[in-house]
Amino acid sequence: DSEEPLALPLEAIELDAFRSLYEKDSFWCGLL
């Protein structure tokens, strides 16, 4: 139900940085 959208990385080279940035968060397929 979150209103905080974000773009997920599609390139493998971007994944480690993305995981570090959001290591304490969970990601959801947003209903909104």
PDB file of all heavy atoms in Angstrom:
ATOM      1  N   ASP A   1       0.806  -1.222   0.000  1.00  0.00           N
ATOM      2  CA  ASP A   1       0.000   0.000   0.000  1.00  0.00           C
ATOM      3  C   ASP A   1       0.844   1.280   0.000  1.00  0.00           C
ATOM      4  O   ASP A   1       0.300   2.380   0.032  1.00  0.00           O
ATOM      5  CB  ASP A   1      -0.921   0.027   1.221  1.00  0.00           C
ATOM      6  CG  ASP A   1      -1.946  -1.089   1.179  1.00  0.00           C
ATOM      7  OD1 ASP A   1      -2.468  -1.366   0.090  1.00  0.00           O
ATOM      8  OD2 ASP A   1      -2.208  -1.681   2.236  1.00  0.00           O
ATOM      9  N   SER A   2       2.148   1.146  -0.032  1.00  0.00           N
ATOM     10  CA  SER A   2       3.057   2.289   0.045  1.00  0.00           C
ATOM     11  C   SER A   2       2.851   3.257  -1.110  1.00  0.00           C
ATOM     12  O   SER A   2       2.466   2.881  -2.212  1.00  0.00           O
ATOM     13  CB  SER A   2       4.501   1.789   0.031  1.00  0.00           C
ATOM     14  OG  SER A   2       5.405   2.871  -0.064  1.00  0.00           O
ATOM     15  N   GLU A   3       3.133   4.522  -0.838  1.00  0.00           N
ATOM     16  CA  GLU A   3       3.103   5.571  -1.853  1.00  0.00           C
ATOM     17  C   GLU A   3       4.524   6.004  -2.223  1.00  0.00           C
ATOM     18  O   GLU A   3       4.713   7.086  -2.785  1.00  0.00           O
ATOM     19  CB  GLU A   3       2.292   6.763  -1.355  1.00  0.00           C
ATOM     20  CG  GLU A   3       0.827   6.433  -1.150  1.00  0.00           C
ATOM     21  CD  GLU A   3       0.013   7.622  -0.656  1.00  0.00           C
ATOM     22  OE1 GLU A   3       0.540   8.746  -0.608  1.00  0.00           O
ATOM     23  OE2 GLU A   3      -1.161   7.411  -0.310  1.00  0.00           O
ATOM     24  N   GLU A   4       5.533   5.182  -1.888  1.00  0.00           N
ATOM     25  CA  GLU A   4       6.935   5.495  -2.168  1.00  0.00           C
ATOM     26  C   GLU A   4       7.448   4.625  -3.312  1.00  0.00           C
ATOM     27  O   GLU A   4       8.031   3.563  -3.082  1.00  0.00           O
ATOM     28  CB  GLU A   4       7.787   5.245  -0.932  1.00  0.00           C
ATOM     29  CG  GLU A   4       7.529   6.184   0.215  1.00  0.00           C
ATOM     30  CD  GLU A   4       8.508   5.949   1.340  1.00  0.00           C
ATOM     31  OE1 GLU A   4       9.718   6.150   1.125  1.00  0.00           O
ATOM     32  OE2 GLU A   4       8.055   5.534   2.417  1.00  0.00           O
ATOM     33  N   PRO A   5       7.272   5.064  -4.559  1.00  0.00           N
ATOM     34  CA  PRO A   5       7.747   4.255  -5.687  1.00  0.00           C
ATOM     35  C   PRO A   5       9.247   4.415  -5.899  1.00  0.00           C
ATOM     36  O   PRO A   5       9.849   5.418  -5.517  1.00  0.00           O
ATOM     37  CB  PRO A   5       6.971   4.839  -6.871  1.00  0.00           C
ATOM     38  CG  PRO A   5       6.760   6.261  -6.496  1.00  0.00           C
ATOM     39  CD  PRO A   5       6.587   6.266  -5.000  1.00  0.00           C
ATOM     40  N   LEU A   6       9.847   3.412  -6.497  1.00  0.00           N
ATOM     41  CA  LEU A   6      11.235   3.507  -6.911  1.00  0.00           C
ATOM     42  C   LEU A   6      11.445   2.614  -8.124  1.00  0.00           C
ATOM     43  O   LEU A   6      10.692   1.674  -8.354  1.00  0.00           O
ATOM     44  CB  LEU A   6      12.200   3.126  -5.789  1.00  0.00           C
ATOM     45  CG  LEU A   6      12.308   1.665  -5.399  1.00  0.00           C
ATOM     46  CD1 LEU A   6      13.686   1.406  -4.853  1.00  0.00           C
ATOM     47  CD2 LEU A   6      11.278   1.312  -4.368  1.00  0.00           C
ATOM     48  N   ALA A   7      12.467   2.946  -8.890  1.00  0.00           N
ATOM     49  CA  ALA A   7      12.810   2.155 -10.066  1.00  0.00           C
ATOM     50  C   ALA A   7      13.850   1.124  -9.666  1.00  0.00           C
ATOM     51  O   ALA A   7      14.836   1.453  -9.013  1.00  0.00           O
ATOM     52  CB  ALA A   7      13.350   3.055 -11.167  1.00  0.00           C
ATOM     53  N   LEU A   8      13.616  -0.103 -10.044  1.00  0.00           N
ATOM     54  CA  LEU A   8      14.558  -1.179  -9.752  1.00  0.00           C
ATOM     55  C   LEU A   8      15.590  -1.262 -10.874  1.00  0.00           C
ATOM     56  O   LEU A   8      15.275  -1.002 -12.034  1.00  0.00           O
ATOM     57  CB  LEU A   8      13.809  -2.508  -9.640  1.00  0.00           C
ATOM     58  CG  LEU A   8      12.744  -2.569  -8.551  1.00  0.00           C
ATOM     59  CD1 LEU A   8      11.961  -3.868  -8.666  1.00  0.00           C
ATOM     60  CD2 LEU A   8      13.368  -2.449  -7.184  1.00  0.00           C
ATOM     61  N   PRO A   9      16.825  -1.631 -10.537  1.00  0.00           N
ATOM     62  CA  PRO A   9      17.849  -1.730 -11.579  1.00  0.00           C
ATOM     63  C   PRO A   9      17.598  -2.921 -12.498  1.00  0.00           C
ATOM     64  O   PRO A   9      17.176  -3.987 -12.054  1.00  0.00           O
ATOM     65  CB  PRO A   9      19.147  -1.917 -10.791  1.00  0.00           C
ATOM     66  CG  PRO A   9      18.729  -2.530  -9.501  1.00  0.00           C
ATOM     67  CD  PRO A   9      17.358  -1.981  -9.220  1.00  0.00           C
ATOM     68  N   LEU A  10      17.834  -2.712 -13.785  1.00  0.00           N
ATOM     69  CA  LEU A  10      17.715  -3.803 -14.749  1.00  0.00           C
ATOM     70  C   LEU A  10      19.078  -4.346 -15.156  1.00  0.00           C
ATOM     71  O   LEU A  10      19.165  -5.429 -15.719  1.00  0.00           O
ATOM     72  CB  LEU A  10      16.950  -3.343 -15.988  1.00  0.00           C
ATOM     73  CG  LEU A  10      15.480  -3.038 -15.769  1.00  0.00           C
ATOM     74  CD1 LEU A  10      14.836  -2.580 -17.069  1.00  0.00           C
ATOM     75  CD2 LEU A  10      14.756  -4.265 -15.231  1.00  0.00           C
ATOM     76  N   GLU A  11      20.118  -3.603 -14.875  1.00  0.00           N
ATOM     77  CA  GLU A  11      21.465  -4.021 -15.243  1.00  0.00           C
ATOM     78  C   GLU A  11      22.165  -4.638 -14.038  1.00  0.00           C
ATOM     79  O   GLU A  11      22.120  -4.095 -12.928  1.00  0.00           O
ATOM     80  CB  GLU A  11      22.274  -2.827 -15.746  1.00  0.00           C
ATOM     81  CG  GLU A  11      21.667  -2.151 -16.956  1.00  0.00           C
ATOM     82  CD  GLU A  11      21.616  -3.057 -18.176  1.00  0.00           C
ATOM     83  OE1 GLU A  11      22.527  -3.895 -18.336  1.00  0.00           O
ATOM     84  OE2 GLU A  11      20.676  -2.938 -18.968  1.00  0.00           O
ATOM     85  N   ALA A  12      22.842  -5.746 -14.252  1.00  0.00           N
ATOM     86  CA  ALA A  12      23.536  -6.453 -13.173  1.00  0.00           C
ATOM     87  C   ALA A  12      24.565  -5.570 -12.484  1.00  0.00           C
ATOM     88  O   ALA A  12      24.740  -5.646 -11.264  1.00  0.00           O
ATOM     89  CB  ALA A  12      24.200  -7.710 -13.728  1.00  0.00           C
ATOM     90  N   ILE A  13      25.219  -4.715 -13.234  1.00  0.00           N
ATOM     91  CA  ILE A  13      26.262  -3.859 -12.675  1.00  0.00           C
ATOM     92  C   ILE A  13      25.717  -2.868 -11.641  1.00  0.00           C
ATOM     93  O   ILE A  13      26.442  -2.385 -10.783  1.00  0.00           O
ATOM     94  CB  ILE A  13      27.019  -3.125 -13.811  1.00  0.00           C
ATOM     95  CG1 ILE A  13      28.330  -2.565 -13.295  1.00  0.00           C
ATOM     96  CG2 ILE A  13      26.146  -2.056 -14.446  1.00  0.00           C
ATOM     97  CD1 ILE A  13      29.262  -2.102 -14.381  1.00  0.00           C
ATOM     98  N   GLU A  14      24.431  -2.582 -11.672  1.00  0.00           N
ATOM     99  CA  GLU A  14      23.795  -1.643 -10.750  1.00  0.00           C
ATOM    100  C   GLU A  14      23.276  -2.305  -9.474  1.00  0.00           C
ATOM    101  O   GLU A  14      22.934  -1.619  -8.511  1.00  0.00           O
ATOM    102  CB  GLU A  14      22.616  -0.963 -11.440  1.00  0.00           C
ATOM    103  CG  GLU A  14      22.970  -0.200 -12.693  1.00  0.00           C
ATOM    104  CD  GLU A  14      21.741   0.238 -13.470  1.00  0.00           C
ATOM    105  OE1 GLU A  14      20.665  -0.370 -13.315  1.00  0.00           O
ATOM    106  OE2 GLU A  14      21.860   1.192 -14.239  1.00  0.00           O
ATOM    107  N   LEU A  15      23.221  -3.618  -9.434  1.00  0.00           N
ATOM    108  CA  LEU A  15      22.523  -4.319  -8.351  1.00  0.00           C
ATOM    109  C   LEU A  15      23.205  -4.191  -6.991  1.00  0.00           C
ATOM    110  O   LEU A  15      22.535  -3.964  -5.988  1.00  0.00           O
ATOM    111  CB  LEU A  15      22.318  -5.788  -8.706  1.00  0.00           C
ATOM    112  CG  LEU A  15      21.452  -6.584  -7.735  1.00  0.00           C
ATOM    113  CD1 LEU A  15      20.077  -5.936  -7.565  1.00  0.00           C
ATOM    114  CD2 LEU A  15      21.313  -8.012  -8.198  1.00  0.00           C
ATOM    115  N   ASP A  16      24.513  -4.317  -6.911  1.00  0.00           N
ATOM    116  CA  ASP A  16      25.196  -4.232  -5.610  1.00  0.00           C
ATOM    117  C   ASP A  16      24.973  -2.877  -4.948  1.00  0.00           C
ATOM    118  O   ASP A  16      24.692  -2.801  -3.746  1.00  0.00           O
ATOM    119  CB  ASP A  16      26.684  -4.511  -5.763  1.00  0.00           C
ATOM    120  CG  ASP A  16      26.984  -5.978  -5.992  1.00  0.00           C
ATOM    121  OD1 ASP A  16      26.144  -6.829  -5.618  1.00  0.00           O
ATOM    122  OD2 ASP A  16      28.061  -6.287  -6.533  1.00  0.00           O
ATOM    123  N   ALA A  17      25.079  -1.807  -5.713  1.00  0.00           N
ATOM    124  CA  ALA A  17      24.867  -0.468  -5.157  1.00  0.00           C
ATOM    125  C   ALA A  17      23.417  -0.307  -4.693  1.00  0.00           C
ATOM    126  O   ALA A  17      23.155   0.259  -3.626  1.00  0.00           O
ATOM    127  CB  ALA A  17      25.221   0.594  -6.189  1.00  0.00           C
ATOM    128  N   PHE A  18      22.475  -0.820  -5.473  1.00  0.00           N
ATOM    129  CA  PHE A  18      21.057  -0.746  -5.113  1.00  0.00           C
ATOM    130  C   PHE A  18      20.791  -1.504  -3.816  1.00  0.00           C
ATOM    131  O   PHE A  18      20.118  -0.999  -2.915  1.00  0.00           O
ATOM    132  CB  PHE A  18      20.204  -1.324  -6.243  1.00  0.00           C
ATOM    133  CG  PHE A  18      18.735  -1.267  -5.979  1.00  0.00           C
ATOM    134  CD1 PHE A  18      18.005  -0.127  -6.269  1.00  0.00           C
ATOM    135  CD2 PHE A  18      18.062  -2.354  -5.448  1.00  0.00           C
ATOM    136  CE1 PHE A  18      16.642  -0.068  -6.030  1.00  0.00           C
ATOM    137  CE2 PHE A  18      16.705  -2.308  -5.204  1.00  0.00           C
ATOM    138  CZ  PHE A  18      15.999  -1.156  -5.496  1.00  0.00           C
ATOM    139  N   ARG A  19      21.341  -2.704  -3.700  1.00  0.00           N
ATOM    140  CA  ARG A  19      21.142  -3.501  -2.482  1.00  0.00           C
ATOM    141  C   ARG A  19      21.720  -2.800  -1.260  1.00  0.00           C
ATOM    142  O   ARG A  19      21.141  -2.839  -0.178  1.00  0.00           O
ATOM    143  CB  ARG A  19      21.771  -4.883  -2.648  1.00  0.00           C
ATOM    144  CG  ARG A  19      20.980  -5.802  -3.533  1.00  0.00           C
ATOM    145  CD  ARG A  19      21.694  -7.114  -3.715  1.00  0.00           C
ATOM    146  NE  ARG A  19      20.878  -8.092  -4.408  1.00  0.00           N
ATOM    147  CZ  ARG A  19      21.354  -9.217  -4.892  1.00  0.00           C
ATOM    148  NH1 ARG A  19      22.645  -9.506  -4.788  1.00  0.00           N
ATOM    149  NH2 ARG A  19      20.558 -10.068  -5.512  1.00  0.00           N
ATOM    150  N   SER A  20      22.878  -2.171  -1.417  1.00  0.00           N
ATOM    151  CA  SER A  20      23.494  -1.442  -0.305  1.00  0.00           C
ATOM    152  C   SER A  20      22.636  -0.255   0.120  1.00  0.00           C
ATOM    153  O   SER A  20      22.468   0.007   1.306  1.00  0.00           O
ATOM    154  CB  SER A  20      24.882  -0.943  -0.701  1.00  0.00           C
ATOM    155  OG  SER A  20      25.755  -2.024  -0.882  1.00  0.00           O
ATOM    156  N   LEU A  21      22.117   0.459  -0.848  1.00  0.00           N
ATOM    157  CA  LEU A  21      21.302   1.641  -0.569  1.00  0.00           C
ATOM    158  C   LEU A  21      20.002   1.290   0.152  1.00  0.00           C
ATOM    159  O   LEU A  21      19.544   2.020   1.020  1.00  0.00           O
ATOM    160  CB  LEU A  21      20.998   2.366  -1.881  1.00  0.00           C
ATOM    161  CG  LEU A  21      20.287   3.702  -1.803  1.00  0.00           C
ATOM    162  CD1 LEU A  21      21.095   4.714  -0.993  1.00  0.00           C
ATOM    163  CD2 LEU A  21      20.035   4.229  -3.196  1.00  0.00           C
ATOM    164  N   TYR A  22      19.410   0.154  -0.192  1.00  0.00           N
ATOM    165  CA  TYR A  22      18.108  -0.240   0.359  1.00  0.00           C
ATOM    166  C   TYR A  22      18.181  -1.521   1.184  1.00  0.00           C
ATOM    167  O   TYR A  22      17.217  -2.271   1.242  1.00  0.00           O
ATOM    168  CB  TYR A  22      17.105  -0.430  -0.791  1.00  0.00           C
ATOM    169  CG  TYR A  22      16.799   0.845  -1.534  1.00  0.00           C
ATOM    170  CD1 TYR A  22      17.362   1.100  -2.774  1.00  0.00           C
ATOM    171  CD2 TYR A  22      15.955   1.800  -0.984  1.00  0.00           C
ATOM    172  CE1 TYR A  22      17.083   2.275  -3.460  1.00  0.00           C
ATOM    173  CE2 TYR A  22      15.670   2.970  -1.656  1.00  0.00           C
ATOM    174  CZ  TYR A  22      16.243   3.203  -2.889  1.00  0.00           C
ATOM    175  OH  TYR A  22      15.961   4.361  -3.549  1.00  0.00           O
ATOM    176  N   GLU A  23      19.302  -1.759   1.863  1.00  0.00           N
ATOM    177  CA  GLU A  23      19.494  -3.034   2.555  1.00  0.00           C
ATOM    178  C   GLU A  23      18.485  -3.313   3.666  1.00  0.00           C
ATOM    179  O   GLU A  23      18.232  -4.466   3.994  1.00  0.00           O
ATOM    180  CB  GLU A  23      20.918  -3.141   3.092  1.00  0.00           C
ATOM    181  CG  GLU A  23      21.253  -2.174   4.204  1.00  0.00           C
ATOM    182  CD  GLU A  23      22.706  -2.294   4.628  1.00  0.00           C
ATOM    183  OE1 GLU A  23      23.256  -3.408   4.575  1.00  0.00           O
ATOM    184  OE2 GLU A  23      23.280  -1.268   4.997  1.00  0.00           O
ATOM    185  N   LYS A  24      17.875  -2.293   4.241  1.00  0.00           N
ATOM    186  CA  LYS A  24      16.915  -2.494   5.341  1.00  0.00           C
ATOM    187  C   LYS A  24      15.464  -2.374   4.883  1.00  0.00           C
ATOM    188  O   LYS A  24      14.552  -2.390   5.698  1.00  0.00           O
ATOM    189  CB  LYS A  24      17.201  -1.498   6.454  1.00  0.00           C
ATOM    190  CG  LYS A  24      18.551  -1.733   7.088  1.00  0.00           C
ATOM    191  CD  LYS A  24      18.837  -0.777   8.182  1.00  0.00           C
ATOM    192  CE  LYS A  24      20.238  -1.106   8.688  1.00  0.00           C
ATOM    193  NZ  LYS A  24      20.725  -0.236   9.682  1.00  0.00           N
ATOM    194  N   ASP A  25      15.248  -2.250   3.591  1.00  0.00           N
ATOM    195  CA  ASP A  25      13.902  -2.055   3.057  1.00  0.00           C
ATOM    196  C   ASP A  25      13.371  -3.325   2.399  1.00  0.00           C
ATOM    197  O   ASP A  25      14.131  -4.203   2.011  1.00  0.00           O
ATOM    198  CB  ASP A  25      13.913  -0.935   2.006  1.00  0.00           C
ATOM    199  CG  ASP A  25      14.226   0.414   2.607  1.00  0.00           C
ATOM    200  OD1 ASP A  25      13.514   0.817   3.547  1.00  0.00           O
ATOM    201  OD2 ASP A  25      15.182   1.058   2.149  1.00  0.00           O
ATOM    202  N   SER A  26      12.061  -3.389   2.266  1.00  0.00           N
ATOM    203  CA  SER A  26      11.433  -4.457   1.495  1.00  0.00           C
ATOM    204  C   SER A  26      10.755  -3.818   0.286  1.00  0.00           C
ATOM    205  O   SER A  26      10.346  -2.663   0.319  1.00  0.00           O
ATOM    206  CB  SER A  26      10.423  -5.234   2.340  1.00  0.00           C
ATOM    207  OG  SER A  26       9.423  -4.373   2.845  1.00  0.00           O
ATOM    208  N   PHE A  27      10.654  -4.589  -0.785  1.00  0.00           N
ATOM    209  CA  PHE A  27      10.106  -4.097  -2.048  1.00  0.00           C
ATOM    210  C   PHE A  27       8.816  -4.844  -2.361  1.00  0.00           C
ATOM    211  O   PHE A  27       8.723  -6.044  -2.155  1.00  0.00           O
ATOM    212  CB  PHE A  27      11.112  -4.318  -3.185  1.00  0.00           C
ATOM    213  CG  PHE A  27      12.492  -3.858  -2.851  1.00  0.00           C
ATOM    214  CD1 PHE A  27      13.489  -4.772  -2.610  1.00  0.00           C
ATOM    215  CD2 PHE A  27      12.781  -2.517  -2.759  1.00  0.00           C
ATOM    216  CE1 PHE A  27      14.764  -4.350  -2.282  1.00  0.00           C
ATOM    217  CE2 PHE A  27      14.053  -2.081  -2.436  1.00  0.00           C
ATOM    218  CZ  PHE A  27      15.050  -3.008  -2.193  1.00  0.00           C
ATOM    219  N   TRP A  28       7.863  -4.095  -2.898  1.00  0.00           N
ATOM    220  CA  TRP A  28       6.541  -4.655  -3.152  1.00  0.00           C
ATOM    221  C   TRP A  28       6.031  -4.235  -4.517  1.00  0.00           C
ATOM    222  O   TRP A  28       6.371  -3.164  -5.018  1.00  0.00           O
ATOM    223  CB  TRP A  28       5.562  -4.178  -2.081  1.00  0.00           C
ATOM    224  CG  TRP A  28       5.972  -4.641  -0.732  1.00  0.00           C
ATOM    225  CD1 TRP A  28       6.922  -4.073   0.080  1.00  0.00           C
ATOM    226  CD2 TRP A  28       5.514  -5.792  -0.048  1.00  0.00           C
ATOM    227  NE1 TRP A  28       7.061  -4.807   1.230  1.00  0.00           N
ATOM    228  CE2 TRP A  28       6.211  -5.864   1.180  1.00  0.00           C
ATOM    229  CE3 TRP A  28       4.574  -6.765  -0.353  1.00  0.00           C
ATOM    230  CZ2 TRP A  28       5.986  -6.884   2.092  1.00  0.00           C
ATOM    231  CZ3 TRP A  28       4.346  -7.772   0.572  1.00  0.00           C
ATOM    232  CH2 TRP A  28       5.055  -7.820   1.771  1.00  0.00           C
ATOM    233  N   CYS A  29       5.192  -5.064  -5.094  1.00  0.00           N
ATOM    234  CA  CYS A  29       4.474  -4.734  -6.318  1.00  0.00           C
ATOM    235  C   CYS A  29       3.292  -3.873  -5.881  1.00  0.00           C
ATOM    236  O   CYS A  29       2.313  -4.373  -5.321  1.00  0.00           O
ATOM    237  CB  CYS A  29       4.022  -6.026  -7.003  1.00  0.00           C
ATOM    238  SG  CYS A  29       3.307  -5.776  -8.621  1.00  0.00           S
ATOM    239  N   GLY A  30       3.416  -2.570  -6.056  1.00  0.00           N
ATOM    240  CA  GLY A  30       2.500  -1.605  -5.466  1.00  0.00           C
ATOM    241  C   GLY A  30       1.083  -1.653  -5.998  1.00  0.00           C
ATOM    242  O   GLY A  30       0.846  -1.591  -7.199  1.00  0.00           O
ATOM    243  N   LEU A  31       0.148  -1.713  -5.082  1.00  0.00           N
ATOM    244  CA  LEU A  31      -1.269  -1.722  -5.443  1.00  0.00           C
ATOM    245  C   LEU A  31      -1.685  -0.406  -6.090  1.00  0.00           C
ATOM    246  O   LEU A  31      -2.487  -0.393  -7.029  1.00  0.00           O
ATOM    247  CB  LEU A  31      -2.125  -2.002  -4.205  1.00  0.00           C
ATOM    248  CG  LEU A  31      -1.942  -3.390  -3.589  1.00  0.00           C
ATOM    249  CD1 LEU A  31      -2.679  -3.478  -2.257  1.00  0.00           C
ATOM    250  CD2 LEU A  31      -2.412  -4.464  -4.552  1.00  0.00           C
ATOM    251  N   LEU A  32      -1.128   0.708  -5.622  1.00  0.00           N
ATOM    252  CA  LEU A  32      -1.481   2.011  -6.199  1.00  0.00           C
ATOM    253  C   LEU A  32      -0.899   2.195  -7.592  1.00  0.00           C
ATOM    254  O   LEU A  32      -1.323   3.076  -8.332  1.00  0.00           O
ATOM    255  CB  LEU A  32      -1.016   3.142  -5.276  1.00  0.00           C
ATOM    256  CG  LEU A  32      -1.681   3.162  -3.896  1.00  0.00           C
ATOM    257  CD1 LEU A  32      -1.064   4.249  -3.022  1.00  0.00           C
ATOM    258  CD2 LEU A  32      -3.179   3.371  -4.025  1.00  0.00           C
TER     259      LEU A  32
END
